[in-house]
C-alpha atoms as a PDB file:
ATOM      1  CA  MET A   1     -59.295  34.345  10.668  1.00  0.00           C
ATOM      2  CA  HIS A   2     -58.786  35.134  14.187  1.00  0.00           C
ATOM      3  CA  GLU A   3     -59.811  34.223  18.104  1.00  0.00           C
ATOM      4  CA  SER A   4     -62.295  36.636  18.832  1.00  0.00           C
ATOM      5  CA  ARG A   5     -62.348  38.426  22.194  1.00  0.00           C
ATOM      6  CA  TYR A   6     -65.114  36.513  23.362  1.00  0.00           C
ATOM      7  CA  THR A   7     -62.736  32.600  23.506  1.00  0.00           C
ATOM      8  CA  GLU A   8     -60.121  33.097  26.171  1.00  0.00           C
ATOM      9  CA  PRO A   9     -62.796  34.667  29.188  1.00  0.00           C
ATOM     10  CA  VAL A  10     -64.604  31.202  27.496  1.00  0.00           C
ATOM     11  CA  LEU A  11     -62.053  29.272  27.994  1.00  0.00           C
ATOM     12  CA  SER A  12     -60.782  29.803  31.374  1.00  0.00           C
ATOM     13  CA  TRP A  13     -63.710  30.369  32.641  1.00  0.00           C
ATOM     14  CA  TYR A  14     -65.217  26.870  31.368  1.00  0.00           C
ATOM     15  CA  ALA A  15     -61.505  24.885  33.189  1.00  0.00           C
ATOM     16  CA  ALA A  16     -62.235  26.572  36.898  1.00  0.00           C
ATOM     17  CA  ASN A  17     -66.369  25.239  36.282  1.00  0.00           C
ATOM     18  CA  ALA A  18     -66.590  22.673  33.747  1.00  0.00           C
ATOM     19  CA  ARG A  19     -68.817  19.028  35.242  1.00  0.00           C
ATOM     20  CA  ASP A  20     -66.755  15.850  35.182  1.00  0.00           C
ATOM     21  CA  LEU A  21     -68.708  14.172  32.816  1.00  0.00           C
ATOM     22  CA  PRO A  22     -68.152  10.690  31.475  1.00  0.00           C
ATOM     23  CA  TRP A  23     -68.940  11.547  27.795  1.00  0.00           C
ATOM     24  CA  ARG A  24     -66.659  14.980  28.447  1.00  0.00           C
ATOM     25  CA  ARG A  25     -63.084  12.272  30.107  1.00  0.00           C
ATOM     26  CA  PRO A  26     -59.545  12.011  27.024  1.00  0.00           C
ATOM     27  CA  ASP A  27     -61.540   7.692  28.211  1.00  0.00           C
ATOM     28  CA  ALA A  28     -64.694   8.425  26.157  1.00  0.00           C
ATOM     29  CA  SER A  29     -65.086   6.644  23.184  1.00  0.00           C
ATOM     30  CA  PRO A  30     -66.749   8.505  19.842  1.00  0.00           C
ATOM     31  CA  TRP A  31     -69.750   5.570  20.736  1.00  0.00           C
ATOM     32  CA  ALA A  32     -69.498   6.823  24.044  1.00  0.00           C
ATOM     33  CA  VAL A  33     -69.936  10.702  22.955  1.00  0.00           C
ATOM     34  CA  LEU A  34     -72.917   9.681  20.708  1.00  0.00           C
ATOM     35  CA  VAL A  35     -74.602   7.665  23.049  1.00  0.00           C
ATOM     36  CA  SER A  36     -74.355  10.843  25.178  1.00  0.00           C
ATOM     37  CA  GLU A  37     -75.714  13.174  22.894  1.00  0.00           C
ATOM     38  CA  ILE A  38     -78.693  11.202  21.158  1.00  0.00           C
ATOM     39  CA  MET A  39     -79.691  10.380  24.789  1.00  0.00           C
ATOM     40  CA  LEU A  40     -79.259  14.241  25.739  1.00  0.00           C
ATOM     41  CA  GLN A  41     -81.590  14.924  23.582  1.00  0.00           C
ATOM     42  CA  GLN A  42     -84.358  16.847  25.148  1.00  0.00           C
ATOM     43  CA  THR A  43     -83.469  15.441  28.670  1.00  0.00           C
ATOM     44  CA  PRO A  44     -81.312  16.560  31.298  1.00  0.00           C
ATOM     45  CA  VAL A  45     -77.890  15.464  32.341  1.00  0.00           C
ATOM     46  CA  VAL A  46     -79.718  14.370  35.958  1.00  0.00           C
ATOM     47  CA  ARG A  47     -81.908  11.432  34.519  1.00  0.00           C
ATOM     48  CA  VAL A  48     -79.385  11.351  31.895  1.00  0.00           C
ATOM     49  CA  LEU A  49     -76.622   9.992  33.628  1.00  0.00           C
ATOM     50  CA  PRO A  50     -77.946   6.553  35.257  1.00  0.00           C
ATOM     51  CA  SER A  51     -78.748   5.772  31.914  1.00  0.00           C
ATOM     52  CA  TYR A  52     -76.061   6.085  29.859  1.00  0.00           C
ATOM     53  CA  GLU A  53     -73.427   4.093  32.084  1.00  0.00           C
ATOM     54  CA  ALA A  54     -75.199   1.402  31.919  1.00  0.00           C
ATOM     55  CA  TRP A  55     -75.744   1.265  28.509  1.00  0.00           C
ATOM     56  CA  LEU A  56     -72.478   1.844  28.109  1.00  0.00           C
ATOM     57  CA  ALA A  57     -71.508  -1.112  30.181  1.00  0.00           C
ATOM     58  CA  ARG A  58     -74.104  -3.348  28.115  1.00  0.00           C
ATOM     59  CA  TRP A  59     -72.935  -2.225  24.868  1.00  0.00           C
ATOM     60  CA  PRO A  60     -69.236  -0.640  25.240  1.00  0.00           C
ATOM     61  CA  VAL A  61     -69.429  -1.106  21.020  1.00  0.00           C
ATOM     62  CA  PRO A  62     -71.593  -0.121  18.508  1.00  0.00           C
ATOM     63  CA  ALA A  63     -71.278  -3.902  17.364  1.00  0.00           C
ATOM     64  CA  ALA A  64     -72.355  -5.237  21.133  1.00  0.00           C
ATOM     65  CA  LEU A  65     -75.101  -3.511  20.944  1.00  0.00           C
ATOM     66  CA  ALA A  66     -76.804  -4.665  17.260  1.00  0.00           C
ATOM     67  CA  ALA A  67     -75.912  -8.088  17.643  1.00  0.00           C
ATOM     68  CA  GLU A  68     -79.188  -7.066  20.418  1.00  0.00           C
ATOM     69  CA  PRO A  69     -82.825  -7.184  18.485  1.00  0.00           C
ATOM     70  CA  PRO A  70     -84.150  -3.607  18.201  1.00  0.00           C
ATOM     71  CA  GLY A  71     -86.468  -4.712  21.401  1.00  0.00           C
ATOM     72  CA  GLU A  72     -83.624  -5.060  23.660  1.00  0.00           C
ATOM     73  CA  ALA A  73     -82.313  -0.935  22.859  1.00  0.00           C
ATOM     74  CA  VAL A  74     -86.176   0.139  23.716  1.00  0.00           C
ATOM     75  CA  ARG A  75     -86.028  -1.876  26.735  1.00  0.00           C
ATOM     76  CA  ALA A  76     -82.843  -0.882  28.313  1.00  0.00           C
ATOM     77  CA  TRP A  77     -84.325   2.622  27.434  1.00  0.00           C
ATOM     78  CA  GLY A  78     -86.297   3.200  31.114  1.00  0.00           C
ATOM     79  CA  ARG A  79     -88.016   6.117  30.863  1.00  0.00           C
ATOM     80  CA  LEU A  80     -85.805   8.537  29.141  1.00  0.00           C
ATOM     81  CA  GLY A  81     -88.970   9.397  27.481  1.00  0.00           C
ATOM     82  CA  TYR A  82     -88.356  10.023  23.151  1.00  0.00           C
ATOM     83  CA  PRO A  83     -87.468   6.448  22.769  1.00  0.00           C
ATOM     84  CA  ARG A  84     -87.548   6.727  19.658  1.00  0.00           C
ATOM     85  CA  ARG A  85     -84.187   7.595  20.590  1.00  0.00           C
ATOM     86  CA  ALA A  86     -83.619   4.087  21.267  1.00  0.00           C
ATOM     87  CA  LEU A  87     -84.579   2.431  17.508  1.00  0.00           C
ATOM     88  CA  ASN A  88     -82.660   5.463  16.300  1.00  0.00           C
ATOM     89  CA  LEU A  89     -79.114   4.230  17.723  1.00  0.00           C
ATOM     90  CA  HIS A  90     -79.723   0.859  17.581  1.00  0.00           C
ATOM     91  CA  ALA A  91     -79.804   1.527  13.601  1.00  0.00           C
ATOM     92  CA  SER A  92     -77.586   3.269  13.937  1.00  0.00           C
ATOM     93  CA  ALA A  93     -75.314   0.798  15.548  1.00  0.00           C
ATOM     94  CA  ARG A  94     -75.604  -1.936  12.674  1.00  0.00           C
ATOM     95  CA  ALA A  95     -74.908   0.833  10.608  1.00  0.00           C
ATOM     96  CA  ILE A  96     -71.625   1.643  11.444  1.00  0.00           C
ATOM     97  CA  VAL A  97     -71.163  -2.296  11.952  1.00  0.00           C
ATOM     98  CA  ASP A  98     -72.925  -2.238   7.976  1.00  0.00           C
ATOM     99  CA  ARG A  99     -70.858   1.008   6.488  1.00  0.00           C
ATOM    100  CA  HIS A 100     -67.373   1.860   8.726  1.00  0.00           C
ATOM    101  CA  GLY A 101     -66.469  -1.425  10.288  1.00  0.00           C
ATOM    102  CA  GLY A 102     -67.847  -1.464  13.941  1.00  0.00           C
ATOM    103  CA  VAL A 103     -65.874   2.177  14.051  1.00  0.00           C
ATOM    104  CA  VAL A 104     -68.240   5.406  14.594  1.00  0.00           C
ATOM    105  CA  PRO A 105     -67.412   7.369  11.657  1.00  0.00           C
ATOM    106  CA  ALA A 106     -65.399  11.303  11.956  1.00  0.00           C
ATOM    107  CA  ASP A 107     -66.708  13.118   9.195  1.00  0.00           C
ATOM    108  CA  TYR A 108     -69.747  14.928   9.260  1.00  0.00           C
ATOM    109  CA  ASP A 109     -71.545  13.705   6.384  1.00  0.00           C
ATOM    110  CA  GLU A 110     -70.994  10.733   6.770  1.00  0.00           C
ATOM    111  CA  LEU A 111     -72.749  10.894  10.623  1.00  0.00           C
ATOM    112  CA  ARG A 112     -75.325  12.782   8.913  1.00  0.00           C
ATOM    113  CA  ALA A 113     -76.209   9.618   7.122  1.00  0.00           C
ATOM    114  CA  LEU A 114     -76.589   7.471  10.524  1.00  0.00           C
ATOM    115  CA  PRO A 115     -80.653   7.193  10.974  1.00  0.00           C
ATOM    116  CA  GLY A 116     -81.369   9.874  13.843  1.00  0.00           C
ATOM    117  CA  VAL A 117     -78.075  12.238  13.314  1.00  0.00           C
ATOM    118  CA  GLY A 118     -79.479  15.398  12.358  1.00  0.00           C
ATOM    119  CA  ALA A 119     -77.239  18.271  12.214  1.00  0.00           C
ATOM    120  CA  TYR A 120     -77.338  19.332  15.954  1.00  0.00           C
ATOM    121  CA  THR A 121     -75.955  15.589  16.865  1.00  0.00           C
ATOM    122  CA  ALA A 122     -73.638  14.814  13.717  1.00  0.00           C
ATOM    123  CA  ALA A 123     -71.209  18.211  14.106  1.00  0.00           C
ATOM    124  CA  ALA A 124     -70.921  17.808  18.120  1.00  0.00           C
ATOM    125  CA  VAL A 125     -69.945  13.991  17.691  1.00  0.00           C
ATOM    126  CA  ALA A 126     -66.787  14.929  15.530  1.00  0.00           C
ATOM    127  CA  SER A 127     -66.381  18.182  17.717  1.00  0.00           C
ATOM    128  CA  PHE A 128     -66.215  16.540  21.033  1.00  0.00           C
ATOM    129  CA  ALA A 129     -65.348  12.926  19.916  1.00  0.00           C
ATOM    130  CA  TYR A 130     -62.735  13.751  16.961  1.00  0.00           C
ATOM    131  CA  ARG A 131     -61.812  17.498  17.555  1.00  0.00           C
ATOM    132  CA  ARG A 132     -62.523  18.488  14.449  1.00  0.00           C
ATOM    133  CA  ARG A 133     -63.895  22.556  13.394  1.00  0.00           C
ATOM    134  CA  HIS A 134     -67.796  22.448  13.509  1.00  0.00           C
ATOM    135  CA  ALA A 135     -70.351  25.129  14.661  1.00  0.00           C
ATOM    136  CA  VAL A 136     -72.376  22.840  17.251  1.00  0.00           C
ATOM    137  CA  LEU A 137     -75.518  24.945  18.414  1.00  0.00           C
ATOM    138  CA  ASP A 138     -77.356  23.243  20.690  1.00  0.00           C
ATOM    139  CA  THR A 139     -80.478  25.547  22.602  1.00  0.00           C
ATOM    140  CA  ASN A 140     -77.863  26.837  25.740  1.00  0.00           C
ATOM    141  CA  VAL A 141     -75.491  27.757  22.718  1.00  0.00           C
ATOM    142  CA  ARG A 142     -78.492  29.577  21.158  1.00  0.00           C
ATOM    143  CA  ARG A 143     -79.207  31.715  24.074  1.00  0.00           C
ATOM    144  CA  VAL A 144     -75.295  31.824  24.626  1.00  0.00           C
ATOM    145  CA  LEU A 145     -74.767  33.639  21.532  1.00  0.00           C
ATOM    146  CA  ALA A 146     -78.306  35.397  21.308  1.00  0.00           C
ATOM    147  CA  ARG A 147     -77.925  37.983  24.458  1.00  0.00           C
ATOM    148  CA  VAL A 148     -74.155  38.776  24.140  1.00  0.00           C
ATOM    149  CA  VAL A 149     -73.544  39.194  20.091  1.00  0.00           C
ATOM    150  CA  THR A 150     -77.260  40.255  18.769  1.00  0.00           C
ATOM    151  CA  GLY A 151     -78.768  41.994  21.941  1.00  0.00           C
ATOM    152  CA  VAL A 152     -81.481  39.742  22.272  1.00  0.00           C
ATOM    153  CA  GLN A 153     -83.109  37.623  25.657  1.00  0.00           C
ATOM    154  CA  TYR A 154     -84.117  34.604  23.438  1.00  0.00           C
ATOM    155  CA  PRO A 155     -83.504  33.141  20.494  1.00  0.00           C
ATOM    156  CA  PRO A 156     -85.628  32.547  17.357  1.00  0.00           C
ATOM    157  CA  LYS A 157     -87.117  29.553  18.599  1.00  0.00           C
ATOM    158  CA  ALA A 158     -86.498  27.461  14.678  1.00  0.00           C
ATOM    159  CA  GLN A 159     -82.993  27.621  14.165  1.00  0.00           C
ATOM    160  CA  THR A 160     -81.485  30.165  11.408  1.00  0.00           C
ATOM    161  CA  THR A 161     -78.971  30.915   8.601  1.00  0.00           C
ATOM    162  CA  ALA A 162     -78.297  33.739  10.622  1.00  0.00           C
ATOM    163  CA  GLU A 163     -77.177  32.163  13.424  1.00  0.00           C
ATOM    164  CA  VAL A 164     -75.068  29.463  11.978  1.00  0.00           C
ATOM    165  CA  ARG A 165     -73.139  31.838  10.979  1.00  0.00           C
ATOM    166  CA  LEU A 166     -72.632  33.551  13.563  1.00  0.00           C
ATOM    167  CA  ALA A 167     -71.223  30.782  15.438  1.00  0.00           C
ATOM    168  CA  GLU A 168     -69.350  29.838  12.565  1.00  0.00           C
ATOM    169  CA  GLU A 169     -67.255  33.243  12.762  1.00  0.00           C
ATOM    170  CA  LEU A 170     -66.238  33.089  16.171  1.00  0.00           C
ATOM    171  CA  LEU A 171     -65.800  28.879  16.320  1.00  0.00           C
ATOM    172  CA  PRO A 172     -60.937  29.270  16.498  1.00  0.00           C
ATOM    173  CA  PRO A 173     -59.655  28.670  13.580  1.00  0.00           C
ATOM    174  CA  ASP A 174     -57.649  25.586  15.629  1.00  0.00           C
ATOM    175  CA  PRO A 175     -59.039  22.409  15.426  1.00  0.00           C
ATOM    176  CA  PRO A 176     -59.520  21.635  18.864  1.00  0.00           C
ATOM    177  CA  VAL A 177     -59.262  24.733  20.848  1.00  0.00           C
ATOM    178  CA  ALA A 178     -62.978  25.178  18.106  1.00  0.00           C
ATOM    179  CA  ALA A 179     -64.179  22.153  19.862  1.00  0.00           C
ATOM    180  CA  LEU A 180     -63.245  23.225  22.860  1.00  0.00           C
ATOM    181  CA  TRP A 181     -65.277  26.418  22.902  1.00  0.00           C
ATOM    182  CA  SER A 182     -68.373  24.805  21.535  1.00  0.00           C
ATOM    183  CA  VAL A 183     -68.216  22.554  25.146  1.00  0.00           C
ATOM    184  CA  ALA A 184     -67.556  25.334  27.232  1.00  0.00           C
ATOM    185  CA  VAL A 185     -70.041  27.501  25.689  1.00  0.00           C
ATOM    186  CA  MET A 186     -72.522  24.749  25.874  1.00  0.00           C
ATOM    187  CA  GLU A 187     -71.660  24.245  29.811  1.00  0.00           C
ATOM    188  CA  LEU A 188     -71.973  28.161  30.406  1.00  0.00           C
ATOM    189  CA  GLY A 189     -74.962  28.438  29.285  1.00  0.00           C
ATOM    190  CA  ALA A 190     -76.110  25.349  31.205  1.00  0.00           C
ATOM    191  CA  LEU A 191     -74.508  26.591  34.082  1.00  0.00           C
ATOM    192  CA  VAL A 192     -75.128  30.812  34.224  1.00  0.00           C
ATOM    193  CA  CYS A 193     -76.612  32.236  31.213  1.00  0.00           C
ATOM    194  CA  THR A 194     -79.822  29.758  31.816  1.00  0.00           C
ATOM    195  CA  ALA A 195     -83.004  30.209  30.134  1.00  0.00           C
ATOM    196  CA  ARG A 196     -84.800  32.136  33.443  1.00  0.00           C
ATOM    197  CA  ALA A 197     -82.523  32.868  35.383  1.00  0.00           C
ATOM    198  CA  PRO A 198     -79.200  33.678  34.267  1.00  0.00           C
ATOM    199  CA  ARG A 199     -76.127  34.421  36.714  1.00  0.00           C
ATOM    200  CA  CYS A 200     -74.768  37.611  35.346  1.00  0.00           C
ATOM    201  CA  ALA A 201     -72.813  38.424  37.576  1.00  0.00           C
ATOM    202  CA  ASP A 202     -70.562  34.949  37.796  1.00  0.00           C
ATOM    203  CA  CYS A 203     -71.004  34.822  33.342  1.00  0.00           C
ATOM    204  CA  PRO A 204     -66.940  35.872  32.177  1.00  0.00           C
ATOM    205  CA  LEU A 205     -68.849  37.937  29.335  1.00  0.00           C
ATOM    206  CA  SER A 206     -70.791  39.737  31.396  1.00  0.00           C
ATOM    207  CA  GLY A 207     -69.233  42.775  30.527  1.00  0.00           C
ATOM    208  CA  ASP A 208     -69.483  42.526  26.633  1.00  0.00           C
ATOM    209  CA  CYS A 209     -72.654  41.381  27.229  1.00  0.00           C
ATOM    210  CA  THR A 210     -75.217  43.306  24.281  1.00  0.00           C
ATOM    211  CA  TRP A 211     -77.961  42.074  26.048  1.00  0.00           C
ATOM    212  CA  ARG A 212     -77.211  43.087  29.896  1.00  0.00           C
ATOM    213  CA  LEU A 213     -75.568  45.925  28.369  1.00  0.00           C
ATOM    214  CA  ALA A 214     -79.030  47.845  26.769  1.00  0.00           C
ATOM    215  CA  GLY A 215     -80.354  46.253  30.222  1.00  0.00           C
ATOM    216  CA  LYS A 216     -82.096  43.509  29.378  1.00  0.00           C
ATOM    217  CA  PRO A 217     -85.078  44.132  27.440  1.00  0.00           C
ATOM    218  CA  ALA A 218     -87.675  41.634  27.535  1.00  0.00           C
ATOM    219  CA  TYR A 219     -88.738  39.026  25.271  1.00  0.00           C
ATOM    220  CA  ASP A 220     -90.314  40.774  22.742  1.00  0.00           C
ATOM    221  CA  GLY A 221     -92.608  37.516  21.160  1.00  0.00           C
ATOM    222  CA  PRO A 222     -95.730  34.477  20.942  1.00  0.00           C
ATOM    223  CA  ALA A 223     -95.396  33.475  24.986  1.00  0.00           C
ATOM    224  CA  ARG A 224     -93.414  30.301  25.771  1.00  0.00           C
ATOM    225  CA  LYS A 225     -94.952  27.193  27.363  1.00  0.00           C
ATOM    226  CA  GLY A 226     -93.801  24.661  28.628  1.00  0.00           C
ATOM    227  CA  GLN A 227     -94.348  21.545  28.224  1.00  0.00           C
ATOM    228  CA  THR A 228     -97.615  20.125  29.815  1.00  0.00           C
ATOM    229  CA  TYR A 229     -96.787  15.759  29.828  1.00  0.00           C
ATOM    230  CA  ALA A 230     -99.825  14.443  32.264  1.00  0.00           C
ATOM    231  CA  GLY A 231    -102.853  13.130  30.817  1.00  0.00           C
ATOM    232  CA  THR A 232    -101.424  13.402  27.285  1.00  0.00           C
ATOM    233  CA  ASP A 233    -100.762  10.825  24.552  1.00  0.00           C
ATOM    234  CA  ARG A 234     -96.817  10.949  25.822  1.00  0.00           C
ATOM    235  CA  GLN A 235     -97.673  10.412  29.007  1.00  0.00           C
ATOM    236  CA  CYS A 236    -100.521   7.292  27.720  1.00  0.00           C
ATOM    237  CA  ARG A 237     -97.153   5.811  24.770  1.00  0.00           C
ATOM    238  CA  GLY A 238     -94.854   6.020  28.270  1.00  0.00           C
ATOM    239  CA  ARG A 239     -97.378   3.544  30.468  1.00  0.00           C
ATOM    240  CA  LEU A 240     -98.248   1.329  28.003  1.00  0.00           C
ATOM    241  CA  LEU A 241     -94.496   0.816  27.214  1.00  0.00           C
ATOM    242  CA  ALA A 242     -93.673   0.217  30.997  1.00  0.00           C
ATOM    243  CA  VAL A 243     -95.376  -2.579  30.296  1.00  0.00           C
ATOM    244  CA  LEU A 244     -94.182  -4.080  27.052  1.00  0.00           C
ATOM    245  CA  ARG A 245     -89.831  -2.902  28.786  1.00  0.00           C
ATOM    246  CA  HIS A 246     -91.093  -4.769  32.333  1.00  0.00           C
ATOM    247  CA  SER A 247     -92.188  -7.668  30.920  1.00  0.00           C
ATOM    248  CA  SER A 248     -89.580 -10.811  30.001  1.00  0.00           C
ATOM    249  CA  GLY A 249     -92.250 -11.754  26.938  1.00  0.00           C
ATOM    250  CA  PRO A 250     -94.583 -10.758  25.103  1.00  0.00           C
ATOM    251  CA  VAL A 251     -98.387  -9.735  27.358  1.00  0.00           C
ATOM    252  CA  GLU A 252    -101.768 -10.138  27.334  1.00  0.00           C
ATOM    253  CA  LYS A 253    -103.924  -6.853  25.424  1.00  0.00           C
ATOM    254  CA  ALA A 254    -105.753  -7.006  28.526  1.00  0.00           C
ATOM    255  CA  ALA A 255    -102.501  -5.791  30.534  1.00  0.00           C
ATOM    256  CA  LEU A 256    -102.245  -3.274  28.417  1.00  0.00           C
ATOM    257  CA  ASP A 257    -105.867  -1.849  29.048  1.00  0.00           C
ATOM    258  CA  ASP A 258    -104.697  -1.656  32.373  1.00  0.00           C
ATOM    259  CA  VAL A 259    -102.705   0.752  32.400  1.00  0.00           C
ATOM    260  CA  TRP A 260    -105.062   3.908  30.747  1.00  0.00           C
ATOM    261  CA  ASP A 261    -108.368   4.177  31.433  1.00  0.00           C
ATOM    262  CA  ASP A 262    -109.412   5.987  28.265  1.00  0.00           C
ATOM    263  CA  THR A 263    -110.420   3.832  25.915  1.00  0.00           C
ATOM    264  CA  LEU A 264    -110.062   6.092  22.558  1.00  0.00           C
ATOM    265  CA  GLN A 265    -106.971   7.928  23.839  1.00  0.00           C
ATOM    266  CA  ARG A 266    -105.479   4.564  24.564  1.00  0.00           C
ATOM    267  CA  GLU A 267    -105.758   2.654  21.628  1.00  0.00           C
ATOM    268  CA  ARG A 268    -104.176   5.465  19.373  1.00  0.00           C
ATOM    269  CA  SER A 269    -101.959   5.710  21.319  1.00  0.00           C
ATOM    270  CA  LEU A 270    -101.421   2.003  20.695  1.00  0.00           C
ATOM    271  CA  ALA A 271    -101.987   1.928  17.155  1.00  0.00           C
ATOM    272  CA  THR A 272     -98.732   5.378  17.731  1.00  0.00           C
ATOM    273  CA  LEU A 273     -96.247   2.996  19.210  1.00  0.00           C
ATOM    274  CA  ILE A 274     -97.176  -0.025  16.703  1.00  0.00           C
ATOM    275  CA  GLU A 275     -97.002   3.036  13.389  1.00  0.00           C
ATOM    276  CA  ASP A 276     -93.548   3.977  15.255  1.00  0.00           C
ATOM    277  CA  GLY A 277     -92.333   0.584  15.477  1.00  0.00           C
ATOM    278  CA  LEU A 278     -91.737   0.478  19.305  1.00  0.00           C
ATOM    279  CA  VAL A 279     -94.703  -2.462  19.762  1.00  0.00           C
ATOM    280  CA  ASP A 280     -94.725  -5.433  17.360  1.00  0.00           C
ATOM    281  CA  PRO A 281     -98.580  -7.303  16.911  1.00  0.00           C
ATOM    282  CA  LEU A 282     -98.368 -10.501  17.182  1.00  0.00           C
ATOM    283  CA  ASP A 283    -100.471 -12.974  14.963  1.00  0.00           C
ATOM    284  CA  ASP A 284    -102.438 -14.774  18.878  1.00  0.00           C
ATOM    285  CA  GLY A 285    -103.403 -11.116  20.238  1.00  0.00           C
ATOM    286  CA  ARG A 286    -100.296 -10.306  22.242  1.00  0.00           C
ATOM    287  CA  TYR A 287     -98.019  -7.082  22.011  1.00  0.00           C
ATOM    288  CA  ALA A 288     -93.641  -7.471  22.414  1.00  0.00           C
ATOM    289  CA  LEU A 289     -91.040  -5.718  22.010  1.00  0.00           C
ATOM    290  CA  PRO A 290     -89.749  -5.162  18.645  1.00  0.00           C
ATOM    291  CA  GLY A 291     -87.767  -8.127  18.056  1.00  0.00           C
END
């Protein structure tokens, strides 16, 4: 096993260009890394930063969050979106207390067993918090490897076995260096090898990029559509949940009815919030965050 020709250029670029993000600092705890990874799922850094800092100020260790009702996690989640992540993080905090003495585990399989922690998040926490050697494949890493090595503009929509194998082959042999490599490639994808407007002139791998050297062939596949939000059930769910988050106690049904005009969509969205465990229907006809 040996380090690839990509390792040194990427690590040197990262040393000079990495953003100063709190979850990357030496004093960031494994719990802080886990919180950041859950919050960063499908949410940009600029939106995560204030919520991350407020969350850790209130719940600096898993036991602090585990002691609160799950509804408080949903309330604190604010407008980050995909609020089931808040419930998963709360359930993970309780599992960490119950199974691991309040300490976020370092083992990949133990991390993977936490509620809401998938393969990517388990690898990221093991790698970034504990400097373990794991392939960390997020959208940015997949895009960089697709262009530099495979020569295509975008990776497949669903992660493939071949991508995992390639990422593992490119991991430096030394675990701490491998962890640094993973975050460096991620940063390269976020800042330079972006989806819509890659800045190839600023890329440390420009001279070695198969896609660039081939003339940047256009993506050959179905059109990639941006996500819509306005008027969707997701927006409706967010409006309903906001009423509960901003209330100090249970709310009347009329308060929920006031925030969305389409009755069928509103009732459907409320039903899915209840089904997802994000809203509790009370016996007196009112609604509350989960207790």
